[in-house]
N, C-alpha and C. Protein backbone atom coordinates (compact mmCIF):
# COMPACT_ATOMS: atom_id res chain seq x y z
N MET A 1 0.73 -1.03 -0.04
CA MET A 1 -0.35 -0.20 -0.11
C MET A 1 0.96 1.14 -0.19
N LYS A 2 0.27 2.30 -0.88
CA LYS A 2 1.30 3.47 -1.04
C LYS A 2 1.12 4.36 0.48
N GLU A 3 2.23 5.32 0.66
CA GLU A 3 1.97 6.20 2.13
C GLU A 3 1.72 7.53 1.36
N LEU A 4 1.39 8.56 1.98
CA LEU A 4 0.81 9.47 1.21
C LEU A 4 2.10 10.60 0.79
N LYS A 5 3.19 10.36 1.38
CA LYS A 5 4.52 10.66 0.24
C LYS A 5 4.51 10.29 -0.81
N ASP A 6 4.20 9.17 -1.12
CA ASP A 6 4.26 8.36 -2.50
C ASP A 6 3.62 9.08 -3.57
N TYR A 7 2.97 9.75 -3.24
CA TYR A 7 2.14 10.68 -4.26
C TYR A 7 2.54 11.74 -4.35
N VAL A 8 3.48 12.53 -3.69
CA VAL A 8 3.84 14.08 -3.99
C VAL A 8 4.87 13.82 -4.87
N ARG A 9 5.13 14.65 -6.04
CA ARG A 9 5.88 14.29 -6.92
C ARG A 9 7.20 15.40 -6.28
N THR A 10 8.45 15.45 -6.34
CA THR A 10 9.33 16.12 -6.21
C THR A 10 10.32 16.79 -7.49
N ILE A 11 10.18 17.98 -7.82
CA ILE A 11 10.64 18.63 -8.35
C ILE A 11 11.95 19.37 -8.26
N PRO A 12 13.36 18.75 -8.09
CA PRO A 12 14.50 19.56 -7.98
C PRO A 12 14.61 20.80 -8.48
N ASN A 13 15.68 21.56 -7.92
CA ASN A 13 15.92 23.35 -8.63
C ASN A 13 14.67 23.77 -8.79
N PHE A 14 13.74 23.42 -8.11
CA PHE A 14 12.29 24.46 -8.72
C PHE A 14 11.98 25.13 -7.75
N PRO A 15 11.55 26.36 -7.58
CA PRO A 15 12.20 27.56 -8.37
C PRO A 15 12.90 28.26 -8.40
N GLU A 16 13.84 27.48 -7.81
CA GLU A 16 15.37 28.35 -7.54
C GLU A 16 16.48 27.19 -7.62
N GLU A 17 17.71 27.18 -7.95
CA GLU A 17 18.64 25.86 -7.53
C GLU A 17 18.56 25.99 -6.24
N GLY A 18 18.57 24.33 -5.84
CA GLY A 18 19.11 23.89 -4.06
C GLY A 18 17.42 23.92 -3.52
N ILE A 19 16.44 24.05 -4.39
CA ILE A 19 14.97 23.68 -3.87
C ILE A 19 14.49 22.60 -4.24
N MET A 20 13.94 21.72 -3.34
CA MET A 20 13.48 20.69 -3.92
C MET A 20 12.26 21.18 -3.82
N PHE A 21 11.20 21.31 -4.82
CA PHE A 21 9.50 21.97 -4.61
C PHE A 21 8.58 20.70 -4.70
N ARG A 22 8.01 20.54 -3.43
CA ARG A 22 6.87 19.29 -3.24
C ARG A 22 5.81 19.58 -3.90
N ASP A 23 5.47 18.90 -5.05
CA ASP A 23 3.93 19.52 -5.80
C ASP A 23 3.54 18.67 -5.31
N ILE A 24 2.13 19.11 -4.99
CA ILE A 24 0.64 18.21 -4.48
C ILE A 24 -0.48 17.85 -5.61
N THR A 25 -0.07 18.53 -6.66
CA THR A 25 -1.03 18.29 -7.70
C THR A 25 -0.38 16.91 -7.94
N THR A 26 0.26 16.13 -8.13
CA THR A 26 -0.18 14.59 -8.06
C THR A 26 -1.04 13.86 -7.32
N VAL A 27 -1.58 14.29 -5.73
CA VAL A 27 -2.03 14.04 -5.00
C VAL A 27 -3.04 13.97 -5.13
N MET A 28 -3.66 15.21 -5.55
CA MET A 28 -5.25 15.59 -6.07
C MET A 28 -5.28 14.95 -7.18
N GLN A 29 -4.26 14.60 -8.26
CA GLN A 29 -4.99 14.29 -9.63
C GLN A 29 -5.15 12.74 -9.14
N ASP A 30 -4.51 11.80 -8.32
CA ASP A 30 -4.91 10.35 -8.34
C ASP A 30 -6.20 10.21 -7.05
N PRO A 31 -7.32 9.59 -7.50
CA PRO A 31 -8.04 9.28 -6.66
C PRO A 31 -7.67 8.58 -5.17
N ASP A 32 -6.98 7.48 -5.42
CA ASP A 32 -6.39 7.20 -4.35
C ASP A 32 -5.37 8.12 -3.21
N GLY A 33 -4.65 8.89 -4.05
CA GLY A 33 -4.24 9.63 -2.87
C GLY A 33 -4.86 10.60 -2.80
N LEU A 34 -5.81 11.51 -3.44
CA LEU A 34 -6.36 12.25 -2.67
C LEU A 34 -7.54 11.72 -1.45
N LYS A 35 -8.08 10.58 -1.62
CA LYS A 35 -8.74 9.85 -0.86
C LYS A 35 -7.69 9.55 0.92
N LEU A 36 -6.71 9.54 0.16
CA LEU A 36 -5.73 9.21 1.39
C LEU A 36 -5.56 10.57 2.49
N ALA A 37 -4.90 11.53 1.38
CA ALA A 37 -4.77 12.83 2.18
C ALA A 37 -5.72 13.15 2.79
N ILE A 38 -7.26 13.37 2.46
CA ILE A 38 -8.01 13.49 3.11
C ILE A 38 -8.36 12.80 4.66
N ASP A 39 -8.22 11.87 4.76
CA ASP A 39 -8.51 10.23 5.33
C ASP A 39 -7.53 10.28 6.51
N THR A 40 -5.86 10.73 6.12
CA THR A 40 -4.95 11.03 6.79
C THR A 40 -5.21 11.76 7.83
N MET A 41 -5.39 12.82 6.87
CA MET A 41 -5.39 14.51 7.75
C MET A 41 -6.56 14.75 8.84
N GLN A 42 -7.71 13.84 8.06
CA GLN A 42 -9.31 13.64 9.32
C GLN A 42 -8.78 12.97 10.33
N ASP A 43 -8.32 12.04 10.23
CA ASP A 43 -7.97 11.11 11.16
C ASP A 43 -6.50 11.55 12.26
N LEU A 44 -5.90 12.45 11.94
CA LEU A 44 -5.04 12.85 12.72
C LEU A 44 -5.95 14.25 13.84
N VAL A 45 -6.87 14.62 13.51
CA VAL A 45 -7.69 16.02 14.41
C VAL A 45 -9.09 14.84 14.92
N LYS A 46 -8.96 13.12 14.70
CA LYS A 46 -10.33 12.57 15.40
C LYS A 46 -10.27 13.11 16.77
N ASP A 47 -9.32 13.38 17.44
CA ASP A 47 -9.55 13.79 18.94
C ASP A 47 -9.79 15.21 19.48
N LEU A 48 -9.52 16.03 18.22
CA LEU A 48 -9.92 17.59 18.63
C LEU A 48 -11.44 18.13 18.67
N ASP A 49 -11.45 18.48 19.51
CA ASP A 49 -12.67 18.95 19.68
C ASP A 49 -13.34 20.81 19.05
N PHE A 50 -13.63 20.70 17.90
CA PHE A 50 -13.81 22.27 17.44
C PHE A 50 -15.23 22.52 16.31
N ASP A 51 -15.41 23.68 16.40
CA ASP A 51 -17.08 23.56 15.74
C ASP A 51 -16.82 24.40 14.14
N VAL A 52 -15.94 24.75 13.95
CA VAL A 52 -15.28 25.14 12.45
C VAL A 52 -14.40 24.64 12.13
N VAL A 53 -14.64 24.61 10.24
CA VAL A 53 -13.28 24.81 10.09
C VAL A 53 -13.02 25.64 9.04
N VAL A 54 -11.78 25.98 9.13
CA VAL A 54 -11.10 27.61 8.60
C VAL A 54 -10.21 27.07 7.08
N GLY A 55 -10.65 27.55 6.36
CA GLY A 55 -9.79 27.30 5.18
C GLY A 55 -9.20 28.19 3.97
N ALA A 56 -8.07 28.35 3.69
CA ALA A 56 -7.45 29.40 3.03
C ALA A 56 -7.43 29.19 1.50
N GLU A 57 -7.44 30.37 1.13
CA GLU A 57 -7.83 29.92 -0.64
C GLU A 57 -6.10 29.86 -1.31
N SER A 58 -6.30 28.63 -1.87
CA SER A 58 -7.20 28.14 -2.51
C SER A 58 -6.82 26.65 -1.88
N ARG A 59 -5.74 26.37 -1.93
CA ARG A 59 -5.57 24.63 -1.66
C ARG A 59 -6.30 24.57 -0.15
N GLY A 60 -6.24 25.20 0.87
CA GLY A 60 -7.02 25.29 2.32
C GLY A 60 -8.45 24.73 1.90
N PHE A 61 -9.01 25.24 0.64
CA PHE A 61 -10.65 24.74 0.45
C PHE A 61 -10.41 23.55 0.20
N ILE A 62 -9.57 22.94 -0.73
CA ILE A 62 -9.68 21.85 -1.25
C ILE A 62 -9.34 20.42 -0.12
N PHE A 63 -8.79 20.96 0.89
CA PHE A 63 -8.15 19.71 1.87
C PHE A 63 -9.48 19.90 3.35
N GLY A 64 -9.78 21.79 3.53
CA GLY A 64 -10.56 21.52 4.43
C GLY A 64 -12.47 21.31 4.62
N THR A 65 -12.76 21.92 2.83
CA THR A 65 -14.53 21.18 2.73
C THR A 65 -14.65 20.00 2.97
N PRO A 66 -13.67 18.95 2.44
CA PRO A 66 -14.22 17.56 2.90
C PRO A 66 -14.13 17.22 4.27
N ILE A 67 -13.31 17.61 4.63
CA ILE A 67 -13.12 17.23 6.09
C ILE A 67 -14.12 18.15 7.05
N ALA A 68 -14.75 19.27 6.60
CA ALA A 68 -16.09 19.76 7.15
C ALA A 68 -16.95 19.13 6.79
N TYR A 69 -17.24 18.88 5.28
CA TYR A 69 -18.01 17.90 4.48
C TYR A 69 -18.76 16.46 5.67
N ASN A 70 -16.94 15.67 5.61
CA ASN A 70 -17.21 14.31 6.50
C ASN A 70 -17.78 14.43 8.23
N LEU A 71 -17.64 15.68 8.36
CA LEU A 71 -17.54 16.13 10.19
C LEU A 71 -18.79 16.66 10.31
N HIS A 72 -19.58 16.84 9.56
CA HIS A 72 -21.19 17.79 9.42
C HIS A 72 -20.41 19.13 10.37
N LYS A 73 -19.39 20.07 9.65
CA LYS A 73 -19.15 21.04 10.39
C LYS A 73 -19.45 22.18 9.07
N PRO A 74 -19.16 23.27 9.40
CA PRO A 74 -19.28 24.63 8.89
C PRO A 74 -17.98 24.37 8.32
N PHE A 75 -17.73 25.42 7.39
CA PHE A 75 -16.42 25.45 6.56
C PHE A 75 -16.31 27.09 6.03
N VAL A 76 -15.83 28.02 6.51
CA VAL A 76 -15.08 28.98 6.45
C VAL A 76 -13.89 29.65 5.79
N LEU A 77 -14.50 30.38 4.85
CA LEU A 77 -13.62 30.79 3.87
C LEU A 77 -12.43 31.93 4.40
N ILE A 78 -11.11 31.95 3.82
CA ILE A 78 -10.21 33.13 4.09
C ILE A 78 -9.82 33.23 2.85
N ARG A 79 -9.72 34.69 2.46
CA ARG A 79 -9.62 34.49 0.93
C ARG A 79 -8.64 35.92 0.88
N LYS A 80 -8.11 35.87 -0.53
CA LYS A 80 -6.91 37.36 -0.75
C LYS A 80 -8.33 38.84 -0.60
N LYS A 81 -7.42 39.56 -0.79
CA LYS A 81 -8.29 41.04 -0.43
C LYS A 81 -9.52 41.06 -1.96
N GLY A 82 -10.49 41.55 -1.35
CA GLY A 82 -11.13 41.71 -2.62
C GLY A 82 -11.89 40.90 -3.10
N LYS A 83 -11.93 39.85 -2.41
CA LYS A 83 -12.85 38.60 -2.97
C LYS A 83 -14.31 38.10 -2.31
N LEU A 84 -14.22 38.69 -1.36
CA LEU A 84 -15.03 38.37 -0.35
C LEU A 84 -16.42 39.65 -0.39
N PRO A 85 -17.98 39.24 -0.59
CA PRO A 85 -18.52 40.15 -0.96
C PRO A 85 -19.41 41.14 0.38
N ALA A 86 -19.38 40.16 1.45
CA ALA A 86 -19.99 41.25 2.77
C ALA A 86 -18.84 41.89 3.40
N GLU A 87 -19.38 42.88 4.66
CA GLU A 87 -18.07 43.17 5.40
C GLU A 87 -17.23 42.13 6.09
N THR A 88 -15.61 42.43 5.56
CA THR A 88 -14.76 41.85 6.15
C THR A 88 -14.01 42.26 7.14
N VAL A 89 -13.14 41.47 7.79
CA VAL A 89 -12.17 41.38 8.99
C VAL A 89 -10.66 41.38 7.79
N SER A 90 -9.72 42.09 8.28
CA SER A 90 -8.25 41.38 7.69
C SER A 90 -7.42 41.74 8.05
N ILE A 91 -6.29 41.15 7.31
CA ILE A 91 -4.95 41.21 8.18
C ILE A 91 -3.97 41.25 7.13
N ASP A 92 -2.41 42.41 7.18
CA ASP A 92 -1.64 42.17 6.05
C ASP A 92 -0.57 41.46 6.80
N TYR A 93 0.55 40.42 5.91
CA TYR A 93 1.07 40.05 6.64
C TYR A 93 2.17 40.21 5.40
N ASP A 94 3.45 39.41 5.70
CA ASP A 94 4.64 39.65 5.10
C ASP A 94 4.97 38.13 4.20
N LEU A 95 5.17 38.23 3.27
CA LEU A 95 5.52 37.51 2.38
C LEU A 95 6.99 37.26 1.90
N GLU A 96 7.67 36.21 1.67
CA GLU A 96 9.12 36.23 1.20
C GLU A 96 9.20 37.52 0.61
N TYR A 97 8.87 37.93 -0.56
CA TYR A 97 9.20 38.94 -1.60
C TYR A 97 8.04 40.08 -1.23
N GLY A 98 7.93 40.91 -0.32
CA GLY A 98 6.49 42.10 -0.35
C GLY A 98 5.38 41.28 0.48
N LYS A 99 4.31 42.14 0.25
CA LYS A 99 3.12 42.00 1.51
C LYS A 99 2.13 41.57 0.89
N ALA A 100 0.93 40.77 1.81
CA ALA A 100 -0.56 39.83 0.99
C ALA A 100 -1.08 40.54 1.90
N THR A 101 -2.66 40.26 1.75
CA THR A 101 -3.81 40.74 2.95
C THR A 101 -4.63 39.52 2.51
N LEU A 102 -4.84 39.20 3.58
CA LEU A 102 -6.13 37.74 3.64
C LEU A 102 -7.19 38.24 4.57
N GLU A 103 -8.81 38.27 4.16
CA GLU A 103 -9.45 38.54 4.73
C GLU A 103 -10.81 37.68 4.89
N MET A 104 -11.63 37.74 5.75
CA MET A 104 -12.50 36.99 6.04
C MET A 104 -13.70 37.71 6.16
N HIS A 105 -15.21 36.62 6.02
CA HIS A 105 -16.22 38.07 6.36
C HIS A 105 -16.26 38.32 8.17
N LYS A 106 -16.74 39.23 8.70
CA LYS A 106 -17.02 39.42 9.75
C LYS A 106 -18.02 38.66 10.58
N ASP A 107 -19.02 37.96 10.02
CA ASP A 107 -20.29 37.11 11.01
C ASP A 107 -19.48 35.77 10.83
N SER A 108 -18.31 35.25 10.20
CA SER A 108 -18.36 34.06 9.86
C SER A 108 -17.79 33.06 10.97
N ILE A 109 -17.14 33.54 11.97
CA ILE A 109 -17.03 32.98 13.36
C ILE A 109 -17.73 33.92 13.86
N LYS A 110 -17.77 33.23 15.08
CA LYS A 110 -18.68 33.62 16.57
C LYS A 110 -17.70 33.46 17.62
N PRO A 111 -17.46 34.56 18.53
CA PRO A 111 -17.02 34.77 19.44
C PRO A 111 -16.88 33.27 20.50
N GLY A 112 -16.01 32.60 20.97
CA GLY A 112 -15.80 31.17 21.39
C GLY A 112 -15.97 30.24 20.62
N GLN A 113 -16.56 30.43 19.51
CA GLN A 113 -16.03 29.12 18.51
C GLN A 113 -14.96 28.66 18.32
N LYS A 114 -14.92 27.15 18.54
CA LYS A 114 -13.18 26.63 18.28
C LYS A 114 -13.37 26.18 16.63
N VAL A 115 -12.08 26.72 16.34
CA VAL A 115 -11.75 26.52 15.14
C VAL A 115 -10.52 25.68 14.84
N LEU A 116 -10.79 24.69 13.72
CA LEU A 116 -9.47 24.15 12.95
C LEU A 116 -9.23 24.55 11.72
N ILE A 117 -7.71 24.69 11.80
CA ILE A 117 -7.63 25.94 10.39
C ILE A 117 -6.81 24.66 9.49
N VAL A 118 -6.99 25.08 8.56
CA VAL A 118 -7.02 23.56 7.84
C VAL A 118 -6.13 24.21 6.40
N ASP A 119 -5.01 24.12 5.82
CA ASP A 119 -4.08 24.59 4.58
C ASP A 119 -3.73 23.28 4.45
N ASP A 120 -2.96 23.49 2.89
CA ASP A 120 -2.26 22.05 2.04
C ASP A 120 -0.53 22.58 2.75
N LEU A 121 -0.14 23.21 3.14
CA LEU A 121 1.28 23.07 3.56
C LEU A 121 1.30 24.39 4.72
N ILE A 122 1.96 24.28 5.36
CA ILE A 122 3.15 25.25 6.44
C ILE A 122 4.49 25.51 5.78
N ALA A 123 5.18 26.91 5.50
CA ALA A 123 6.61 26.47 5.60
C ALA A 123 6.90 27.50 6.33
N THR A 124 7.13 28.66 6.16
CA THR A 124 7.57 29.36 7.26
C THR A 124 6.56 30.07 8.41
N GLY A 125 5.41 30.18 7.79
CA GLY A 125 4.01 29.66 8.76
C GLY A 125 3.57 31.62 8.85
N GLY A 126 4.33 31.82 7.87
CA GLY A 126 3.49 33.60 8.30
C GLY A 126 2.08 33.65 7.55
N THR A 127 1.74 32.45 6.38
CA THR A 127 0.34 32.41 6.41
C THR A 127 -0.49 32.08 7.43
N THR A 128 -0.06 30.91 7.95
CA THR A 128 -0.67 30.46 8.99
C THR A 128 -1.05 31.25 10.24
N GLU A 129 0.17 32.06 10.74
CA GLU A 129 -0.06 33.25 11.66
C GLU A 129 -0.80 34.07 11.21
N ALA A 130 -1.27 34.22 10.15
CA ALA A 130 -2.15 35.64 9.58
C ALA A 130 -3.45 35.19 9.72
N MET A 131 -3.75 33.68 9.60
CA MET A 131 -4.81 33.03 9.46
C MET A 131 -5.62 32.92 10.97
N ILE A 132 -4.79 32.83 12.00
CA ILE A 132 -4.92 32.16 13.46
C ILE A 132 -5.19 33.60 13.98
N LYS A 133 -4.49 34.88 13.51
CA LYS A 133 -4.71 36.30 14.14
C LYS A 133 -6.08 36.79 13.85
N LEU A 134 -6.72 36.21 12.22
CA LEU A 134 -7.73 36.73 11.88
C LEU A 134 -8.74 35.81 12.65
N VAL A 135 -8.63 35.17 12.94
CA VAL A 135 -9.79 34.12 13.40
C VAL A 135 -10.06 34.48 15.10
N GLU A 136 -8.44 35.12 16.03
CA GLU A 136 -9.17 35.44 16.87
C GLU A 136 -9.66 36.95 17.15
N SER A 137 -9.31 37.93 16.12
CA SER A 137 -9.82 38.66 15.79
C SER A 137 -11.55 38.82 15.68
N LEU A 138 -11.95 38.00 15.08
CA LEU A 138 -13.07 37.82 15.75
C LEU A 138 -13.68 37.15 16.87
N GLY A 139 -13.01 36.88 17.85
CA GLY A 139 -13.36 35.98 19.17
C GLY A 139 -13.08 34.48 18.65
N GLY A 140 -13.21 34.09 17.79
CA GLY A 140 -12.72 32.62 17.69
C GLY A 140 -11.41 31.81 18.51
N GLU A 141 -11.72 30.96 18.97
CA GLU A 141 -10.46 30.13 19.56
C GLU A 141 -9.84 28.91 18.96
N VAL A 142 -8.39 28.84 18.38
CA VAL A 142 -7.83 28.34 17.26
C VAL A 142 -8.13 26.82 18.31
N ALA A 143 -8.34 26.35 17.92
CA ALA A 143 -8.23 24.62 18.50
C ALA A 143 -7.10 23.64 18.16
N GLY A 144 -6.64 24.03 16.26
CA GLY A 144 -5.63 23.45 15.66
C GLY A 144 -5.24 24.03 14.49
N VAL A 145 -4.26 23.60 13.87
CA VAL A 145 -3.91 23.94 12.12
C VAL A 145 -3.72 22.60 12.23
N LEU A 146 -4.42 22.51 11.08
CA LEU A 146 -3.81 20.88 10.26
C LEU A 146 -3.40 21.26 8.42
N VAL A 147 -2.29 20.44 8.39
CA VAL A 147 -2.11 20.50 7.53
C VAL A 147 -1.38 19.41 6.36
N MET A 148 -1.28 19.05 5.33
CA MET A 148 -1.07 17.92 4.16
C MET A 148 0.53 18.06 4.35
N MET A 149 0.95 19.24 4.22
CA MET A 149 2.93 18.71 4.29
C MET A 149 3.34 20.21 5.12
N GLU A 150 4.11 19.72 5.75
CA GLU A 150 4.97 20.69 6.72
C GLU A 150 6.48 20.59 6.34
N LEU A 151 7.12 21.57 5.74
CA LEU A 151 8.62 21.88 5.67
C LEU A 151 8.92 21.82 6.87
N ALA A 152 9.46 21.20 7.30
CA ALA A 152 9.93 21.65 8.65
C ALA A 152 10.94 22.48 8.61
N GLY A 153 12.05 22.19 7.46
CA GLY A 153 13.43 23.31 7.52
C GLY A 153 13.45 24.65 7.38
N LEU A 154 12.26 25.32 7.37
CA LEU A 154 11.65 26.48 7.06
C LEU A 154 11.29 27.00 8.58
N LYS A 155 10.50 25.60 9.59
CA LYS A 155 10.69 26.44 10.75
C LYS A 155 9.18 26.97 11.19
N GLY A 156 8.11 26.98 10.35
CA GLY A 156 6.84 27.53 10.68
C GLY A 156 6.14 26.91 11.97
N ARG A 157 6.53 25.57 12.19
CA ARG A 157 6.02 25.26 13.89
C ARG A 157 6.83 26.12 15.26
N GLN A 158 7.67 26.55 14.79
CA GLN A 158 8.02 27.63 15.82
C GLN A 158 7.17 28.94 15.78
N LYS A 159 6.98 29.43 14.58
CA LYS A 159 6.52 30.47 14.43
C LYS A 159 4.53 30.35 15.28
N ILE A 160 4.38 29.35 15.11
CA ILE A 160 3.03 29.75 15.66
C ILE A 160 3.13 28.67 17.09
N ALA A 161 4.41 28.47 17.46
CA ALA A 161 4.36 27.45 18.89
C ALA A 161 3.39 28.39 19.52
N GLY A 162 2.44 27.20 20.54
CA GLY A 162 1.29 27.40 21.17
C GLY A 162 0.29 26.88 21.00
N TYR A 163 0.46 26.36 19.40
CA TYR A 163 -0.82 26.15 18.73
C TYR A 163 -0.57 24.61 18.65
N ARG A 164 -1.72 24.01 18.48
CA ARG A 164 -1.49 22.25 18.29
C ARG A 164 -1.28 22.63 16.52
N LEU A 165 -0.07 21.40 15.88
CA LEU A 165 -0.44 21.36 14.92
C LEU A 165 0.29 20.38 13.74
N ASP A 166 -0.85 19.66 13.16
CA ASP A 166 -0.81 18.32 13.25
C ASP A 166 -0.44 18.42 11.46
N SER A 167 0.36 17.58 10.97
CA SER A 167 0.99 17.34 9.72
C SER A 167 1.07 15.96 9.31
N ALA A 168 0.12 16.04 8.16
CA ALA A 168 -0.12 14.52 7.64
C ALA A 168 1.10 13.89 6.64
N VAL A 169 2.34 15.09 6.16
CA VAL A 169 3.61 14.39 5.37
C VAL A 169 4.14 15.57 6.24
N VAL A 170 5.35 15.30 6.69
CA VAL A 170 6.83 16.34 7.27
C VAL A 170 8.15 15.77 6.22
N TYR A 171 8.36 16.89 5.40
CA TYR A 171 9.69 17.11 5.05
C TYR A 171 10.80 17.60 6.09
N GLU A 172 12.11 17.52 6.05
CA GLU A 172 12.60 17.70 6.82
C GLU A 172 13.93 19.13 6.29
N GLY A 173 13.71 18.76 5.31
CA GLY A 173 14.27 20.06 4.48
C GLY A 173 13.39 21.53 3.87
N LYS A 174 14.06 22.36 3.11
CA LYS A 174 13.12 23.31 2.62
C LYS A 174 12.21 23.09 1.68
């Protein structure tokens, strides 16, 4: 039986020399790989008490929505600036080369709700930290963060120390 890592394609020297790019499109393109990813991630949080699943555009939607569906939980979107139609809260955060803004609807999280944040990847932790701050700005309590892949060498786990982080696959390098 294949492991989840077996479905991830590794592309050396992309986007630059010395980087081992971990491509998850091959996980999603294979029905067995996609099922294994969702099942593995969901199993990692089977002991976690949470009310709402939150996912960031766009790959957080891919992994978060089926988990929310399977567990009969609501799914809340975090999107890039200007994509949500109702009143929003936003946060600016730093990227490797510049800045970005994330938003979510102001009425999407109720104070005291326990939130599971789902994404495809944690690398440096900047996006994850911004999502945590957004949820908390609405009074939500982050019960945990769940990712399909963790690039441990980029130290994202340390950036969100104090929050539970579950990763289906961990790569030690960058």
